[in-house]
């Protein structure tokens, strides 16, 4: 697992981090992991499935449209094209 070193952290920030970690009942290192995780991967970030579903809804697609697409789709595997 990768490791990160943070240099030149002010004493005030380090102290505040330790206080925050103690309030949450964990080590300063665990607190930093949690802070970084929440900053770069917020729980409210959009998910791909949700985005695609919203796109279909805005386009006015229904389940019947998707069923029609499934029925029209070729069932046989595609043949490779010959360039010779």
C-alpha atoms as a PDB file:
ATOM      1  CA  UNK A   1       0.000   0.000   0.000  1.00  0.00           C
ATOM      2  CA  UNK A   2       1.384   3.447  -0.861  1.00  0.00           C
ATOM      3  CA  UNK A   3       2.615   5.771   1.860  1.00  0.00           C
ATOM      4  CA  UNK A   4       2.517   9.580   1.923  1.00  0.00           C
ATOM      5  CA  UNK A   5       4.784  11.934   3.842  1.00  0.00           C
ATOM      6  CA  UNK A   6       3.582  15.452   4.610  1.00  0.00           C
ATOM      7  CA  UNK A   7       6.395  17.897   5.228  1.00  0.00           C
ATOM      8  CA  UNK A   8       6.371  21.387   6.734  1.00  0.00           C
ATOM      9  CA  UNK A   9       3.082  20.954   8.582  1.00  0.00           C
ATOM     10  CA  UNK A  10       2.673  23.793  11.061  1.00  0.00           C
ATOM     11  CA  UNK A  11       2.656  23.000  14.772  1.00  0.00           C
ATOM     12  CA  UNK A  12      -0.854  24.450  15.042  1.00  0.00           C
ATOM     13  CA  UNK A  13      -2.180  22.191  12.286  1.00  0.00           C
ATOM     14  CA  UNK A  14      -0.452  19.144  13.771  1.00  0.00           C
ATOM     15  CA  UNK A  15      -1.884  19.908  17.204  1.00  0.00           C
ATOM     16  CA  UNK A  16      -5.387  20.450  15.752  1.00  0.00           C
ATOM     17  CA  UNK A  17      -5.103  17.151  13.879  1.00  0.00           C
ATOM     18  CA  UNK A  18      -4.204  15.308  17.077  1.00  0.00           C
ATOM     19  CA  UNK A  19      -7.123  16.923  18.931  1.00  0.00           C
ATOM     20  CA  UNK A  20      -9.502  16.007  16.095  1.00  0.00           C
ATOM     21  CA  UNK A  21      -8.180  12.432  16.065  1.00  0.00           C
ATOM     22  CA  UNK A  22      -8.652  12.134  19.825  1.00  0.00           C
ATOM     23  CA  UNK A  23     -12.258  13.381  19.515  1.00  0.00           C
ATOM     24  CA  UNK A  24     -12.882  10.613  16.984  1.00  0.00           C
ATOM     25  CA  UNK A  25     -11.052   8.014  19.075  1.00  0.00           C
ATOM     26  CA  UNK A  26      -8.346   7.213  16.539  1.00  0.00           C
ATOM     27  CA  UNK A  27      -4.714   7.886  15.798  1.00  0.00           C
ATOM     28  CA  UNK A  28      -3.519  10.981  13.949  1.00  0.00           C
ATOM     29  CA  UNK A  29      -2.569   8.724  11.026  1.00  0.00           C
ATOM     30  CA  UNK A  30      -6.065   7.204  10.872  1.00  0.00           C
ATOM     31  CA  UNK A  31      -7.548  10.690  11.067  1.00  0.00           C
ATOM     32  CA  UNK A  32      -5.398  11.849   8.136  1.00  0.00           C
ATOM     33  CA  UNK A  33      -6.498   8.820   6.080  1.00  0.00           C
ATOM     34  CA  UNK A  34     -10.129   9.642   6.792  1.00  0.00           C
ATOM     35  CA  UNK A  35      -9.671  13.325   5.886  1.00  0.00           C
ATOM     36  CA  UNK A  36      -7.939  12.464   2.603  1.00  0.00           C
ATOM     37  CA  UNK A  37     -10.450   9.757   1.709  1.00  0.00           C
ATOM     38  CA  UNK A  38     -13.398  12.099   2.252  1.00  0.00           C
ATOM     39  CA  UNK A  39     -11.695  14.903   0.320  1.00  0.00           C
ATOM     40  CA  UNK A  40     -10.953  12.904  -2.818  1.00  0.00           C
ATOM     41  CA  UNK A  41     -13.843  10.403  -2.705  1.00  0.00           C
ATOM     42  CA  UNK A  42     -16.848  12.207  -1.236  1.00  0.00           C
ATOM     43  CA  UNK A  43     -19.884   9.975  -0.605  1.00  0.00           C
ATOM     44  CA  UNK A  44     -22.138  12.280  -2.647  1.00  0.00           C
ATOM     45  CA  UNK A  45     -20.078  11.864  -5.832  1.00  0.00           C
ATOM     46  CA  UNK A  46     -22.155  10.776  -8.815  1.00  0.00           C
ATOM     47  CA  UNK A  47     -22.076   7.110  -9.776  1.00  0.00           C
ATOM     48  CA  UNK A  48     -21.856   6.006 -13.418  1.00  0.00           C
ATOM     49  CA  UNK A  49     -25.111   4.026 -13.275  1.00  0.00           C
ATOM     50  CA  UNK A  50     -26.952   6.992 -11.823  1.00  0.00           C
ATOM     51  CA  UNK A  51     -25.579   9.304 -14.515  1.00  0.00           C
ATOM     52  CA  UNK A  52     -26.587   6.905 -17.297  1.00  0.00           C
ATOM     53  CA  UNK A  53     -30.045   6.432 -15.799  1.00  0.00           C
ATOM     54  CA  UNK A  54     -30.542  10.201 -15.582  1.00  0.00           C
ATOM     55  CA  UNK A  55     -29.380  10.591 -19.184  1.00  0.00           C
ATOM     56  CA  UNK A  56     -31.926   8.019 -20.384  1.00  0.00           C
ATOM     57  CA  UNK A  57     -34.675   9.665 -18.357  1.00  0.00           C
ATOM     58  CA  UNK A  58     -33.862  13.106 -19.817  1.00  0.00           C
ATOM     59  CA  UNK A  59     -33.894  11.593 -23.334  1.00  0.00           C
ATOM     60  CA  UNK A  60     -37.375  10.215 -22.617  1.00  0.00           C
ATOM     61  CA  UNK A  61     -36.354   6.541 -22.922  1.00  0.00           C
ATOM     62  CA  UNK A  62     -38.542   3.903 -21.327  1.00  0.00           C
ATOM     63  CA  UNK A  63     -38.081   0.228 -20.511  1.00  0.00           C
ATOM     64  CA  UNK A  64     -39.947  -0.587 -23.728  1.00  0.00           C
ATOM     65  CA  UNK A  65     -37.291   1.325 -25.696  1.00  0.00           C
ATOM     66  CA  UNK A  66     -34.537  -0.719 -24.118  1.00  0.00           C
ATOM     67  CA  UNK A  67     -36.419  -3.956 -24.761  1.00  0.00           C
ATOM     68  CA  UNK A  68     -36.795  -2.993 -28.433  1.00  0.00           C
ATOM     69  CA  UNK A  69     -33.069  -2.278 -28.666  1.00  0.00           C
ATOM     70  CA  UNK A  70     -32.284  -5.660 -27.124  1.00  0.00           C
ATOM     71  CA  UNK A  71     -34.556  -7.439 -29.620  1.00  0.00           C
ATOM     72  CA  UNK A  72     -33.071  -5.568 -32.593  1.00  0.00           C
ATOM     73  CA  UNK A  73     -29.481  -6.200 -31.584  1.00  0.00           C
ATOM     74  CA  UNK A  74     -27.723  -8.814 -33.686  1.00  0.00           C
ATOM     75  CA  UNK A  75     -27.448 -12.114 -31.801  1.00  0.00           C
ATOM     76  CA  UNK A  76     -24.591 -13.596 -33.862  1.00  0.00           C
ATOM     77  CA  UNK A  77     -21.019 -12.629 -33.053  1.00  0.00           C
ATOM     78  CA  UNK A  78     -19.512 -10.060 -35.393  1.00  0.00           C
ATOM     79  CA  UNK A  79     -17.359 -11.364 -38.219  1.00  0.00           C
ATOM     80  CA  UNK A  80     -13.914  -9.828 -38.569  1.00  0.00           C
ATOM     81  CA  UNK A  81     -13.477  -7.606 -41.597  1.00  0.00           C
ATOM     82  CA  UNK A  82     -11.115  -8.769 -44.310  1.00  0.00           C
ATOM     83  CA  UNK A  83      -8.810  -6.126 -45.781  1.00  0.00           C
ATOM     84  CA  UNK A  84      -7.395  -8.366 -48.496  1.00  0.00           C
END
